[in-house]
C-alpha atoms as a PDB file:
ATOM      1  CA  MET A   1      38.474 -15.000  27.676  1.00  0.00           C
ATOM      2  CA  ILE A   2      37.078 -14.956  31.443  1.00  0.00           C
ATOM      3  CA  SER A   3      34.435 -17.546  32.409  1.00  0.00           C
ATOM      4  CA  ARG A   4      31.162 -16.370  32.610  1.00  0.00           C
ATOM      5  CA  ARG A   5      31.489 -16.711  36.911  1.00  0.00           C
ATOM      6  CA  ASP A   6      34.658 -14.703  36.647  1.00  0.00           C
ATOM      7  CA  TYR A   7      33.037 -12.238  34.889  1.00  0.00           C
ATOM      8  CA  LEU A   8      30.078 -12.254  36.844  1.00  0.00           C
ATOM      9  CA  THR A   9      31.899 -12.716  40.463  1.00  0.00           C
ATOM     10  CA  ALA A  10      33.743  -9.816  39.340  1.00  0.00           C
ATOM     11  CA  ALA A  11      31.090  -7.824  38.465  1.00  0.00           C
ATOM     12  CA  SER A  12      29.380  -8.754  42.494  1.00  0.00           C
ATOM     13  CA  LEU A  13      32.204  -7.649  43.961  1.00  0.00           C
ATOM     14  CA  ALA A  14      32.683  -4.286  42.710  1.00  0.00           C
ATOM     15  CA  GLY A  15      28.879  -3.559  43.472  1.00  0.00           C
ATOM     16  CA  LEU A  16      25.753  -5.050  42.402  1.00  0.00           C
ATOM     17  CA  ALA A  17      23.975  -1.223  42.102  1.00  0.00           C
ATOM     18  CA  LEU A  18      27.106   0.030  40.452  1.00  0.00           C
ATOM     19  CA  ALA A  19      28.026  -2.553  38.451  1.00  0.00           C
ATOM     20  CA  VAL A  20      25.207  -1.247  36.515  1.00  0.00           C
ATOM     21  CA  SER A  21      24.012   2.744  36.807  1.00  0.00           C
ATOM     22  CA  PRO A  22      24.678   3.919  32.968  1.00  0.00           C
ATOM     23  CA  ARG A  23      27.916   5.565  34.024  1.00  0.00           C
ATOM     24  CA  ALA A  24      29.674   2.989  35.540  1.00  0.00           C
ATOM     25  CA  LEU A  25      28.936   0.876  32.852  1.00  0.00           C
ATOM     26  CA  ARG A  26      30.602   3.904  30.624  1.00  0.00           C
ATOM     27  CA  ALA A  27      33.183   3.821  33.406  1.00  0.00           C
ATOM     28  CA  ALA A  28      34.231   0.310  33.353  1.00  0.00           C
ATOM     29  CA  GLY A  29      33.245  -0.780  29.939  1.00  0.00           C
ATOM     30  CA  LYS A  30      36.176  -0.184  28.880  1.00  0.00           C
ATOM     31  CA  GLY A  31      37.525  -1.479  25.168  1.00  0.00           C
ATOM     32  CA  ASP A  32      40.989  -2.755  24.415  1.00  0.00           C
ATOM     33  CA  ASP A  33      41.684   0.424  23.192  1.00  0.00           C
ATOM     34  CA  ASP A  34      40.543   2.534  26.717  1.00  0.00           C
ATOM     35  CA  SER A  35      37.356   3.872  25.050  1.00  0.00           C
ATOM     36  CA  GLU A  36      33.912   3.374  26.849  1.00  0.00           C
ATOM     37  CA  ARG A  37      31.681   1.464  25.941  1.00  0.00           C
ATOM     38  CA  ALA A  38      27.713   3.117  25.909  1.00  0.00           C
ATOM     39  CA  LEU A  39      25.097   2.169  26.514  1.00  0.00           C
ATOM     40  CA  ILE A  40      22.702   1.241  23.282  1.00  0.00           C
ATOM     41  CA  THR A  41      19.617   2.232  23.628  1.00  0.00           C
ATOM     42  CA  ARG A  42      17.009   2.087  20.485  1.00  0.00           C
ATOM     43  CA  ARG A  43      14.690   4.310  19.584  1.00  0.00           C
ATOM     44  CA  ILE A  44      10.906   3.418  19.605  1.00  0.00           C
ATOM     45  CA  PRO A  45       9.907   4.380  15.435  1.00  0.00           C
ATOM     46  CA  GLY A  46       7.261   7.075  15.437  1.00  0.00           C
ATOM     47  CA  THR A  47       7.920   9.028  18.745  1.00  0.00           C
ATOM     48  CA  GLY A  48      11.583   9.258  19.612  1.00  0.00           C
ATOM     49  CA  GLU A  49      11.645   7.160  22.764  1.00  0.00           C
ATOM     50  CA  GLN A  50      15.040   5.070  23.654  1.00  0.00           C
ATOM     51  CA  LEU A  51      14.911   2.122  25.696  1.00  0.00           C
ATOM     52  CA  PRO A  52      17.735   0.462  27.146  1.00  0.00           C
ATOM     53  CA  ALA A  53      18.737  -2.557  24.573  1.00  0.00           C
ATOM     54  CA  VAL A  54      18.421  -4.534  27.438  1.00  0.00           C
ATOM     55  CA  GLY A  55      15.588  -5.383  30.025  1.00  0.00           C
ATOM     56  CA  LEU A  56      14.081  -7.918  31.947  1.00  0.00           C
ATOM     57  CA  GLY A  57      11.367 -11.231  32.116  1.00  0.00           C
ATOM     58  CA  SER A  58       9.754 -12.224  34.429  1.00  0.00           C
ATOM     59  CA  SER A  59       8.125 -15.842  32.439  1.00  0.00           C
ATOM     60  CA  ALA A  60       9.846 -18.926  33.725  1.00  0.00           C
ATOM     61  CA  SER A  61      12.190 -18.962  36.581  1.00  0.00           C
ATOM     62  CA  PHE A  62      11.631 -15.717  37.694  1.00  0.00           C
ATOM     63  CA  ALA A  63       7.784 -16.751  37.693  1.00  0.00           C
ATOM     64  CA  ARG A  64       8.622 -19.828  39.665  1.00  0.00           C
ATOM     65  CA  ILE A  65      10.174 -17.162  42.313  1.00  0.00           C
ATOM     66  CA  ALA A  66       7.564 -15.496  41.933  1.00  0.00           C
ATOM     67  CA  GLY A  67       5.105 -17.996  42.536  1.00  0.00           C
ATOM     68  CA  GLU A  68       7.281 -18.927  45.731  1.00  0.00           C
ATOM     69  CA  GLY A  69       6.494 -15.656  47.190  1.00  0.00           C
ATOM     70  CA  ASP A  70      10.415 -14.934  47.045  1.00  0.00           C
ATOM     71  CA  THR A  71      10.145 -10.812  47.459  1.00  0.00           C
ATOM     72  CA  ALA A  72      13.467 -10.192  48.604  1.00  0.00           C
ATOM     73  CA  THR A  73      15.733 -12.018  45.325  1.00  0.00           C
ATOM     74  CA  ILE A  74      12.257  -9.818  43.023  1.00  0.00           C
ATOM     75  CA  GLY A  75      13.089  -6.855  44.425  1.00  0.00           C
ATOM     76  CA  ALA A  76      16.611  -7.375  44.010  1.00  0.00           C
ATOM     77  CA  LEU A  77      16.212  -7.942  40.224  1.00  0.00           C
ATOM     78  CA  LEU A  78      14.032  -5.063  40.375  1.00  0.00           C
ATOM     79  CA  GLU A  79      16.597  -2.273  41.909  1.00  0.00           C
ATOM     80  CA  VAL A  80      19.171  -3.542  39.591  1.00  0.00           C
ATOM     81  CA  LEU A  81      16.837  -3.092  36.880  1.00  0.00           C
ATOM     82  CA  ALA A  82      15.330   0.269  37.400  1.00  0.00           C
ATOM     83  CA  ARG A  83      19.244   1.546  37.896  1.00  0.00           C
ATOM     84  CA  THR A  84      19.292   2.012  33.741  1.00  0.00           C
ATOM     85  CA  PRO A  85      16.509   4.035  33.700  1.00  0.00           C
ATOM     86  CA  GLY A  86      14.008   3.034  30.753  1.00  0.00           C
ATOM     87  CA  ALA A  87      14.630  -0.722  30.434  1.00  0.00           C
ATOM     88  CA  VAL A  88      11.768  -3.150  29.851  1.00  0.00           C
ATOM     89  CA  PHE A  89       9.870  -5.178  32.568  1.00  0.00           C
ATOM     90  CA  ASP A  90       8.210  -7.112  30.479  1.00  0.00           C
ATOM     91  CA  THR A  91       5.546  -9.393  32.942  1.00  0.00           C
ATOM     92  CA  ALA A  92       1.768 -10.872  31.883  1.00  0.00           C
ATOM     93  CA  PRO A  93      -0.993 -12.395  34.112  1.00  0.00           C
ATOM     94  CA  SER A  94      -0.489 -15.415  31.744  1.00  0.00           C
ATOM     95  CA  TYR A  95       3.294 -15.442  34.630  1.00  0.00           C
ATOM     96  CA  GLY A  96       1.712 -17.227  37.005  1.00  0.00           C
ATOM     97  CA  ALA A  97       1.953 -14.600  40.764  1.00  0.00           C
ATOM     98  CA  ALA A  98       4.650 -12.899  38.363  1.00  0.00           C
ATOM     99  CA  GLU A  99       2.879  -9.164  37.513  1.00  0.00           C
ATOM    100  CA  GLN A 100       1.430  -9.235  40.629  1.00  0.00           C
ATOM    101  CA  VAL A 101       4.543  -9.743  42.950  1.00  0.00           C
ATOM    102  CA  ALA A 102       6.537  -7.403  40.879  1.00  0.00           C
ATOM    103  CA  GLY A 103       4.152  -4.635  41.071  1.00  0.00           C
ATOM    104  CA  ASP A 104       3.659  -4.901  44.349  1.00  0.00           C
ATOM    105  CA  VAL A 105       6.870  -4.771  44.950  1.00  0.00           C
ATOM    106  CA  ALA A 106       7.877  -2.307  42.466  1.00  0.00           C
ATOM    107  CA  ARG A 107       5.685  -0.238  44.214  1.00  0.00           C
ATOM    108  CA  GLN A 108       6.632  -0.594  47.418  1.00  0.00           C
ATOM    109  CA  ARG A 109       9.781   0.553  46.606  1.00  0.00           C
ATOM    110  CA  ASP A 110       9.304   2.904  43.749  1.00  0.00           C
ATOM    111  CA  PHE A 111      10.852   1.268  40.965  1.00  0.00           C
ATOM    112  CA  SER A 112       7.969   1.546  38.490  1.00  0.00           C
ATOM    113  CA  ARG A 113       8.724   5.526  38.102  1.00  0.00           C
ATOM    114  CA  GLN A 114      11.782   4.584  36.516  1.00  0.00           C
ATOM    115  CA  LEU A 115      11.120   0.910  34.468  1.00  0.00           C
ATOM    116  CA  PHE A 116       9.114   0.825  31.123  1.00  0.00           C
ATOM    117  CA  TRP A 117       6.037  -1.359  32.083  1.00  0.00           C
ATOM    118  CA  ALA A 118       5.555  -4.117  30.032  1.00  0.00           C
ATOM    119  CA  THR A 119       2.775  -6.683  30.359  1.00  0.00           C
ATOM    120  CA  LYS A 120      -0.536  -8.303  28.374  1.00  0.00           C
ATOM    121  CA  VAL A 121      -3.806  -8.868  28.112  1.00  0.00           C
ATOM    122  CA  ASN A 122      -5.726 -11.465  26.349  1.00  0.00           C
ATOM    123  CA  VAL A 123      -8.936 -14.167  28.654  1.00  0.00           C
ATOM    124  CA  ALA A 124      -9.828 -15.183  24.439  1.00  0.00           C
ATOM    125  CA  THR A 125     -10.998 -18.921  25.042  1.00  0.00           C
ATOM    126  CA  GLY A 126      -8.902 -20.795  22.963  1.00  0.00           C
ATOM    127  CA  GLY A 127      -9.298 -23.325  20.388  1.00  0.00           C
ATOM    128  CA  SER A 128      -8.306 -23.500  16.220  1.00  0.00           C
ATOM    129  CA  ASP A 129      -9.557 -19.984  15.543  1.00  0.00           C
ATOM    130  CA  GLY A 130      -7.672 -18.728  18.665  1.00  0.00           C
ATOM    131  CA  GLY A 131     -10.872 -18.478  20.160  1.00  0.00           C
ATOM    132  CA  ARG A 132     -12.785 -15.207  21.410  1.00  0.00           C
ATOM    133  CA  ALA A 133     -12.620 -12.732  24.068  1.00  0.00           C
ATOM    134  CA  ASP A 134     -15.259 -11.652  26.774  1.00  0.00           C
ATOM    135  CA  PRO A 135     -14.939  -7.890  26.992  1.00  0.00           C
ATOM    136  CA  ALA A 136     -16.053  -7.663  30.226  1.00  0.00           C
ATOM    137  CA  ALA A 137     -13.639 -10.022  31.371  1.00  0.00           C
ATOM    138  CA  ALA A 138     -10.689  -8.446  29.106  1.00  0.00           C
ATOM    139  CA  ARG A 139     -11.141  -5.127  30.864  1.00  0.00           C
ATOM    140  CA  ALA A 140     -11.233  -6.391  34.007  1.00  0.00           C
ATOM    141  CA  GLN A 141      -7.443  -8.097  33.574  1.00  0.00           C
ATOM    142  CA  LEU A 142      -6.646  -4.643  31.921  1.00  0.00           C
ATOM    143  CA  ASP A 143      -7.685  -3.137  35.033  1.00  0.00           C
ATOM    144  CA  ARG A 144      -5.509  -5.489  37.367  1.00  0.00           C
ATOM    145  CA  SER A 145      -3.075  -5.214  35.304  1.00  0.00           C
ATOM    146  CA  ILE A 146      -2.674  -1.259  35.299  1.00  0.00           C
ATOM    147  CA  GLU A 147      -3.309  -1.353  38.933  1.00  0.00           C
ATOM    148  CA  ARG A 148      -0.410  -3.902  39.608  1.00  0.00           C
ATOM    149  CA  ALA A 149       1.694  -2.069  37.732  1.00  0.00           C
ATOM    150  CA  GLY A 150       1.266   1.437  39.857  1.00  0.00           C
ATOM    151  CA  LYS A 151       1.547   3.664  37.331  1.00  0.00           C
ATOM    152  CA  ARG A 152      -0.726   6.429  35.811  1.00  0.00           C
ATOM    153  CA  ALA A 153      -0.506   4.727  32.369  1.00  0.00           C
ATOM    154  CA  VAL A 154       1.269   1.912  31.632  1.00  0.00           C
ATOM    155  CA  ASP A 155       3.743   2.293  29.370  1.00  0.00           C
ATOM    156  CA  LEU A 156       2.803  -0.964  27.464  1.00  0.00           C
ATOM    157  CA  ILE A 157       0.199  -3.191  27.097  1.00  0.00           C
ATOM    158  CA  GLN A 158       0.045  -5.905  23.947  1.00  0.00           C
ATOM    159  CA  VAL A 159      -2.480  -8.715  22.854  1.00  0.00           C
ATOM    160  CA  HIS A 160      -0.732 -11.812  24.483  1.00  0.00           C
ATOM    161  CA  ASN A 161      -0.224 -14.822  22.071  1.00  0.00           C
ATOM    162  CA  LEU A 162      -2.522 -13.194  19.391  1.00  0.00           C
ATOM    163  CA  GLY A 163      -6.017 -13.757  21.409  1.00  0.00           C
ATOM    164  CA  ASP A 164      -9.132 -12.433  19.730  1.00  0.00           C
ATOM    165  CA  VAL A 165      -6.869  -9.359  18.252  1.00  0.00           C
ATOM    166  CA  PRO A 166     -10.437  -7.256  16.758  1.00  0.00           C
ATOM    167  CA  THR A 167     -11.869  -7.486  20.433  1.00  0.00           C
ATOM    168  CA  GLN A 168      -8.035  -7.057  22.855  1.00  0.00           C
ATOM    169  CA  LEU A 169      -6.740  -4.927  20.496  1.00  0.00           C
ATOM    170  CA  ALA A 170      -9.390  -2.213  19.896  1.00  0.00           C
ATOM    171  CA  LEU A 171     -10.271  -2.893  24.282  1.00  0.00           C
ATOM    172  CA  LEU A 172      -6.075  -1.411  24.910  1.00  0.00           C
ATOM    173  CA  GLU A 173      -6.724   1.424  21.986  1.00  0.00           C
ATOM    174  CA  GLU A 174      -9.710   2.116  24.197  1.00  0.00           C
ATOM    175  CA  TYR A 175      -7.862   2.416  26.996  1.00  0.00           C
ATOM    176  CA  ARG A 176      -4.978   4.441  24.767  1.00  0.00           C
ATOM    177  CA  ALA A 177      -7.330   7.020  24.371  1.00  0.00           C
ATOM    178  CA  ALA A 178      -8.205   7.366  27.507  1.00  0.00           C
ATOM    179  CA  GLY A 179      -4.495   7.950  28.984  1.00  0.00           C
ATOM    180  CA  ARG A 180      -4.106   4.215  30.437  1.00  0.00           C
ATOM    181  CA  ILE A 181      -1.548   3.017  27.772  1.00  0.00           C
ATOM    182  CA  ARG A 182       1.071   4.272  26.413  1.00  0.00           C
ATOM    183  CA  TYR A 183       1.575   1.644  23.720  1.00  0.00           C
ATOM    184  CA  THR A 184      -0.578  -1.104  22.625  1.00  0.00           C
ATOM    185  CA  GLY A 185       0.874  -4.329  20.300  1.00  0.00           C
ATOM    186  CA  VAL A 186       0.491  -7.810  19.974  1.00  0.00           C
ATOM    187  CA  THR A 187       2.572 -10.639  21.138  1.00  0.00           C
ATOM    188  CA  THR A 188       3.182 -14.809  20.004  1.00  0.00           C
ATOM    189  CA  THR A 189       6.106 -17.164  19.846  1.00  0.00           C
ATOM    190  CA  SER A 190       4.556 -19.983  17.863  1.00  0.00           C
ATOM    191  CA  PRO A 191       5.638 -20.491  14.723  1.00  0.00           C
ATOM    192  CA  GLY A 192       1.950 -21.386  13.464  1.00  0.00           C
ATOM    193  CA  GLN A 193       1.178 -18.129  13.970  1.00  0.00           C
ATOM    194  CA  TYR A 194       3.697 -16.662  12.171  1.00  0.00           C
ATOM    195  CA  PRO A 195       1.577 -15.563   8.815  1.00  0.00           C
ATOM    196  CA  ALA A 196      -1.302 -14.568  11.033  1.00  0.00           C
ATOM    197  CA  LEU A 197       0.740 -12.087  12.302  1.00  0.00           C
ATOM    198  CA  GLU A 198       2.660 -10.711  10.004  1.00  0.00           C
ATOM    199  CA  GLN A 199      -1.451 -10.289   8.195  1.00  0.00           C
ATOM    200  CA  ILE A 200      -2.721  -8.017  11.884  1.00  0.00           C
ATOM    201  CA  MET A 201       1.042  -5.873  10.969  1.00  0.00           C
ATOM    202  CA  ARG A 202      -0.522  -4.890   7.709  1.00  0.00           C
ATOM    203  CA  SER A 203      -3.939  -4.480   8.873  1.00  0.00           C
ATOM    204  CA  HIS A 204      -3.968  -2.892  12.301  1.00  0.00           C
ATOM    205  CA  ARG A 205      -1.821   0.440  13.732  1.00  0.00           C
ATOM    206  CA  LEU A 206       0.609  -1.165  16.113  1.00  0.00           C
ATOM    207  CA  ASP A 207       3.288   0.607  18.374  1.00  0.00           C
ATOM    208  CA  PHE A 208       5.090  -3.135  19.289  1.00  0.00           C
ATOM    209  CA  ILE A 209       5.193  -6.351  18.624  1.00  0.00           C
ATOM    210  CA  GLY A 210       6.890  -9.141  20.615  1.00  0.00           C
ATOM    211  CA  VAL A 211       8.599 -12.235  19.276  1.00  0.00           C
ATOM    212  CA  ASP A 212      10.558 -15.049  19.499  1.00  0.00           C
ATOM    213  CA  TYR A 213      13.966 -14.802  18.168  1.00  0.00           C
ATOM    214  CA  ALA A 214      17.612 -16.107  18.560  1.00  0.00           C
ATOM    215  CA  ILE A 215      20.687 -17.243  16.795  1.00  0.00           C
ATOM    216  CA  ASP A 216      19.479 -20.390  15.819  1.00  0.00           C
ATOM    217  CA  HIS A 217      16.152 -18.841  15.393  1.00  0.00           C
ATOM    218  CA  ARG A 218      16.166 -16.782  12.642  1.00  0.00           C
ATOM    219  CA  THR A 219      13.041 -17.227  11.171  1.00  0.00           C
ATOM    220  CA  MET A 220      12.301 -13.218  12.028  1.00  0.00           C
ATOM    221  CA  GLU A 221      14.943 -12.141  10.034  1.00  0.00           C
ATOM    222  CA  GLU A 222      13.129 -13.091   6.527  1.00  0.00           C
ATOM    223  CA  ARG A 223       9.825 -11.564   6.635  1.00  0.00           C
ATOM    224  CA  ILE A 224       8.605 -10.604   9.960  1.00  0.00           C
ATOM    225  CA  PHE A 225      11.177  -8.098  10.905  1.00  0.00           C
ATOM    226  CA  PRO A 226      11.554  -6.297   7.146  1.00  0.00           C
ATOM    227  CA  LEU A 227       8.316  -5.631   7.628  1.00  0.00           C
ATOM    228  CA  ALA A 228       7.989  -4.267  11.254  1.00  0.00           C
ATOM    229  CA  GLN A 229      11.152  -1.470   9.938  1.00  0.00           C
ATOM    230  CA  GLU A 230       8.258  -0.928   6.619  1.00  0.00           C
ATOM    231  CA  ARG A 231       5.942  -0.193   9.503  1.00  0.00           C
ATOM    232  CA  ASN A 232       7.075   1.401  12.083  1.00  0.00           C
ATOM    233  CA  ILE A 233       7.007  -1.020  14.695  1.00  0.00           C
ATOM    234  CA  ALA A 234       9.364  -1.746  17.746  1.00  0.00           C
ATOM    235  CA  VAL A 235      10.329  -5.348  18.093  1.00  0.00           C
ATOM    236  CA  LEU A 236      10.629  -7.063  21.761  1.00  0.00           C
ATOM    237  CA  VAL A 237      12.672  -9.569  21.200  1.00  0.00           C
ATOM    238  CA  TYR A 238      11.861 -13.386  23.879  1.00  0.00           C
ATOM    239  CA  GLN A 239      13.616 -16.073  24.531  1.00  0.00           C
ATOM    240  CA  PRO A 240      16.501 -15.226  22.970  1.00  0.00           C
ATOM    241  CA  PHE A 241      18.475 -18.175  24.696  1.00  0.00           C
ATOM    242  CA  GLY A 242      15.680 -20.370  23.151  1.00  0.00           C
ATOM    243  CA  ARG A 243      14.457 -20.884  26.009  1.00  0.00           C
ATOM    244  CA  THR A 244      17.018 -23.483  27.952  1.00  0.00           C
ATOM    245  CA  ARG A 245      18.043 -24.869  24.260  1.00  0.00           C
ATOM    246  CA  LEU A 246      21.214 -22.654  23.533  1.00  0.00           C
ATOM    247  CA  TRP A 247      22.519 -23.142  26.991  1.00  0.00           C
ATOM    248  CA  ARG A 248      22.661 -26.695  26.614  1.00  0.00           C
ATOM    249  CA  LYS A 249      24.399 -26.293  23.104  1.00  0.00           C
ATOM    250  CA  VAL A 250      27.014 -24.927  24.479  1.00  0.00           C
ATOM    251  CA  ASP A 251      27.674 -26.741  27.663  1.00  0.00           C
ATOM    252  CA  GLY A 252      31.407 -27.365  27.691  1.00  0.00           C
ATOM    253  CA  HIS A 253      32.230 -25.480  24.723  1.00  0.00           C
ATOM    254  CA  PRO A 254      34.701 -22.205  25.166  1.00  0.00           C
ATOM    255  CA  LEU A 255      34.188 -18.803  24.169  1.00  0.00           C
ATOM    256  CA  PRO A 256      35.772 -18.182  20.697  1.00  0.00           C
ATOM    257  CA  ASP A 257      38.657 -15.907  21.838  1.00  0.00           C
ATOM    258  CA  TRP A 258      37.736 -13.733  18.437  1.00  0.00           C
ATOM    259  CA  ALA A 259      34.167 -12.949  20.907  1.00  0.00           C
ATOM    260  CA  ALA A 260      36.366 -10.397  22.927  1.00  0.00           C
ATOM    261  CA  ALA A 261      36.271  -7.657  19.434  1.00  0.00           C
ATOM    262  CA  TYR A 262      32.630  -7.455  20.007  1.00  0.00           C
ATOM    263  CA  ASP A 263      32.982  -6.548  23.845  1.00  0.00           C
ATOM    264  CA  ILE A 264      31.709 -10.196  24.191  1.00  0.00           C
ATOM    265  CA  ALA A 265      32.630 -11.686  28.174  1.00  0.00           C
ATOM    266  CA  THR A 266      30.206 -14.534  27.934  1.00  0.00           C
ATOM    267  CA  TRP A 267      28.284 -17.305  25.871  1.00  0.00           C
ATOM    268  CA  GLY A 268      25.056 -15.269  27.569  1.00  0.00           C
ATOM    269  CA  GLN A 269      26.322 -11.969  26.338  1.00  0.00           C
ATOM    270  CA  PHE A 270      27.273 -13.464  22.668  1.00  0.00           C
ATOM    271  CA  PHE A 271      23.595 -15.091  22.537  1.00  0.00           C
ATOM    272  CA  LEU A 272      22.146 -10.956  23.127  1.00  0.00           C
ATOM    273  CA  LYS A 273      24.761  -9.353  21.244  1.00  0.00           C
ATOM    274  CA  PHE A 274      23.658 -11.412  18.459  1.00  0.00           C
ATOM    275  CA  VAL A 275      19.930 -10.798  18.629  1.00  0.00           C
ATOM    276  CA  LEU A 276      20.936  -6.241  19.542  1.00  0.00           C
ATOM    277  CA  ALA A 277      22.624  -6.499  16.146  1.00  0.00           C
ATOM    278  CA  HIS A 278      19.409  -6.636  13.825  1.00  0.00           C
ATOM    279  CA  PRO A 279      18.415  -2.832  13.467  1.00  0.00           C
ATOM    280  CA  ALA A 280      15.400  -3.895  13.750  1.00  0.00           C
ATOM    281  CA  VAL A 281      15.527  -5.255  17.227  1.00  0.00           C
ATOM    282  CA  THR A 282      14.199  -2.167  19.651  1.00  0.00           C
ATOM    283  CA  ALA A 283      15.033  -4.768  22.614  1.00  0.00           C
ATOM    284  CA  VAL A 284      15.833  -8.527  24.291  1.00  0.00           C
ATOM    285  CA  THR A 285      14.056  -9.480  27.564  1.00  0.00           C
ATOM    286  CA  PRO A 286      15.541 -12.578  28.470  1.00  0.00           C
ATOM    287  CA  ALA A 287      13.831 -13.699  31.849  1.00  0.00           C
ATOM    288  CA  THR A 288      15.789 -15.056  34.836  1.00  0.00           C
ATOM    289  CA  SER A 289      15.584 -14.833  38.276  1.00  0.00           C
ATOM    290  CA  ASN A 290      19.323 -14.891  39.170  1.00  0.00           C
ATOM    291  CA  VAL A 291      20.725 -11.153  40.425  1.00  0.00           C
ATOM    292  CA  ARG A 292      24.249 -11.714  38.839  1.00  0.00           C
ATOM    293  CA  ASN A 293      22.957 -13.383  35.048  1.00  0.00           C
ATOM    294  CA  LEU A 294      20.258  -9.771  35.118  1.00  0.00           C
ATOM    295  CA  VAL A 295      23.906  -8.032  35.676  1.00  0.00           C
ATOM    296  CA  ASP A 296      25.658  -9.962  32.606  1.00  0.00           C
ATOM    297  CA  ASN A 297      22.745  -9.302  30.530  1.00  0.00           C
ATOM    298  CA  LEU A 298      22.585  -5.709  30.932  1.00  0.00           C
ATOM    299  CA  GLY A 299      26.253  -5.747  30.446  1.00  0.00           C
ATOM    300  CA  ALA A 300      24.941  -7.040  26.543  1.00  0.00           C
ATOM    301  CA  ALA A 301      23.565  -3.556  25.997  1.00  0.00           C
ATOM    302  CA  THR A 302      27.007  -1.673  26.111  1.00  0.00           C
ATOM    303  CA  GLY A 303      29.842  -1.886  23.699  1.00  0.00           C
ATOM    304  CA  ARG A 304      30.603  -3.261  20.210  1.00  0.00           C
ATOM    305  CA  LEU A 305      28.231  -4.804  18.219  1.00  0.00           C
ATOM    306  CA  PRO A 306      28.969  -7.946  15.614  1.00  0.00           C
ATOM    307  CA  ASP A 307      29.123  -6.366  12.329  1.00  0.00           C
ATOM    308  CA  ALA A 308      27.566  -8.859   9.025  1.00  0.00           C
ATOM    309  CA  GLN A 309      30.785 -11.041   8.776  1.00  0.00           C
ATOM    310  CA  GLY A 310      30.949 -11.095  12.705  1.00  0.00           C
ATOM    311  CA  LEU A 311      27.020 -12.377  12.455  1.00  0.00           C
ATOM    312  CA  ARG A 312      28.345 -15.087   9.957  1.00  0.00           C
ATOM    313  CA  ARG A 313      30.826 -16.156  11.978  1.00  0.00           C
ATOM    314  CA  MET A 314      29.339 -16.840  14.724  1.00  0.00           C
ATOM    315  CA  ILE A 315      26.365 -18.450  13.560  1.00  0.00           C
ATOM    316  CA  ALA A 316      28.760 -20.819  11.933  1.00  0.00           C
ATOM    317  CA  TYR A 317      30.724 -21.374  14.937  1.00  0.00           C
ATOM    318  CA  ILE A 318      26.946 -22.137  17.240  1.00  0.00           C
ATOM    319  CA  ASP A 319      26.227 -24.214  13.768  1.00  0.00           C
ATOM    320  CA  SER A 320      29.221 -26.197  14.638  1.00  0.00           C
ATOM    321  CA  LEU A 321      28.774 -27.816  18.154  1.00  0.00           C
END
C-alpha cells in the first residue's frame, strides 16, 4: 500500500483536473485484474436522479478559508468538484462566510450548474424546545441563499438542526411549489435530536435527511437508516471522519494490506468507503480546504466497496487501535 502523501502526490502530478474527471477516474483507476473502477453513483429515491457518491462540505476548514477571503483555493476546490457533474456541494448560512464566498466564486466561474447545490435554513431562536422561527426572517435567509447559489432552482435546502421544523419545512414546501427549490429535507448531527428526527421522518414528507455517520459512530444503522429506506428518503452523510477524531485514532498506524481488496489507497478512502457501503447512504460530503485531500476523497467514489465481511474486518481493525 502507498502512503496518503505518495498517493496524493501522484494524483497531483497527473493533473488535478484530469484526475477527477469521471472518464479519468475510470481509466486511471484500474484494479488488480485490470478492470476499470466505475464511478459510484446513488439514486435519489423516488426520482431516479443519480448523484456521485462523494461530494464536498463547507464547514470547518472550508469555512475558515472562506472567512479569510481565500477565493483562489475555494475556486480550485469547486473546479475540481465540478469535473464530476452533479457532485454535491453542501453548505449553510451558519458556516461563516462559506455559502456567500462559494456562491460568488461558483457564479463568477460558472460552476453552479455543474454542482448539486445543497444548503440549509434555520432562524429558530433556540432553547430546549428548539425555539420558534420568524417566518419573515426565514424567507429572507432563503432568498439570500437562493441568490448566492446562482441557480434558477436550488437543488436542495434542508431545515438545519431540526430548527422549528413545522414553520421552516412548510416554507421550503412553498418555495418548492414556486419552482425555487427542487428537494427539501432536515438535518441533525446531535444525538439528543435523533428521536425527534425519527418522528419527523414518519410524520413529514421528506426528500433528504442529513446526519452524522462514521465507522466509530454507527447509531444511524439502528433505526434512522432503515427508516430512510422504508420511507424512500435520501441520506447525506456528514462528519465521516468524526471531525478529526478518526485521524487522531489512526495517527502512526499503517493502513492494513487487505484494504487493497476494496480499492482503498489511503485512510481517508478507508473511512469513506465504510460509509458508502451502507445502502441507505446517497452521498457523503466531507469538508476540506485542501485540493489534494478533495482529490483523495473523490477517489473513494470509484471501485469496489466492502462487503459484510470486509465491514466487520474494518470495524475490528479500528476498534483495536
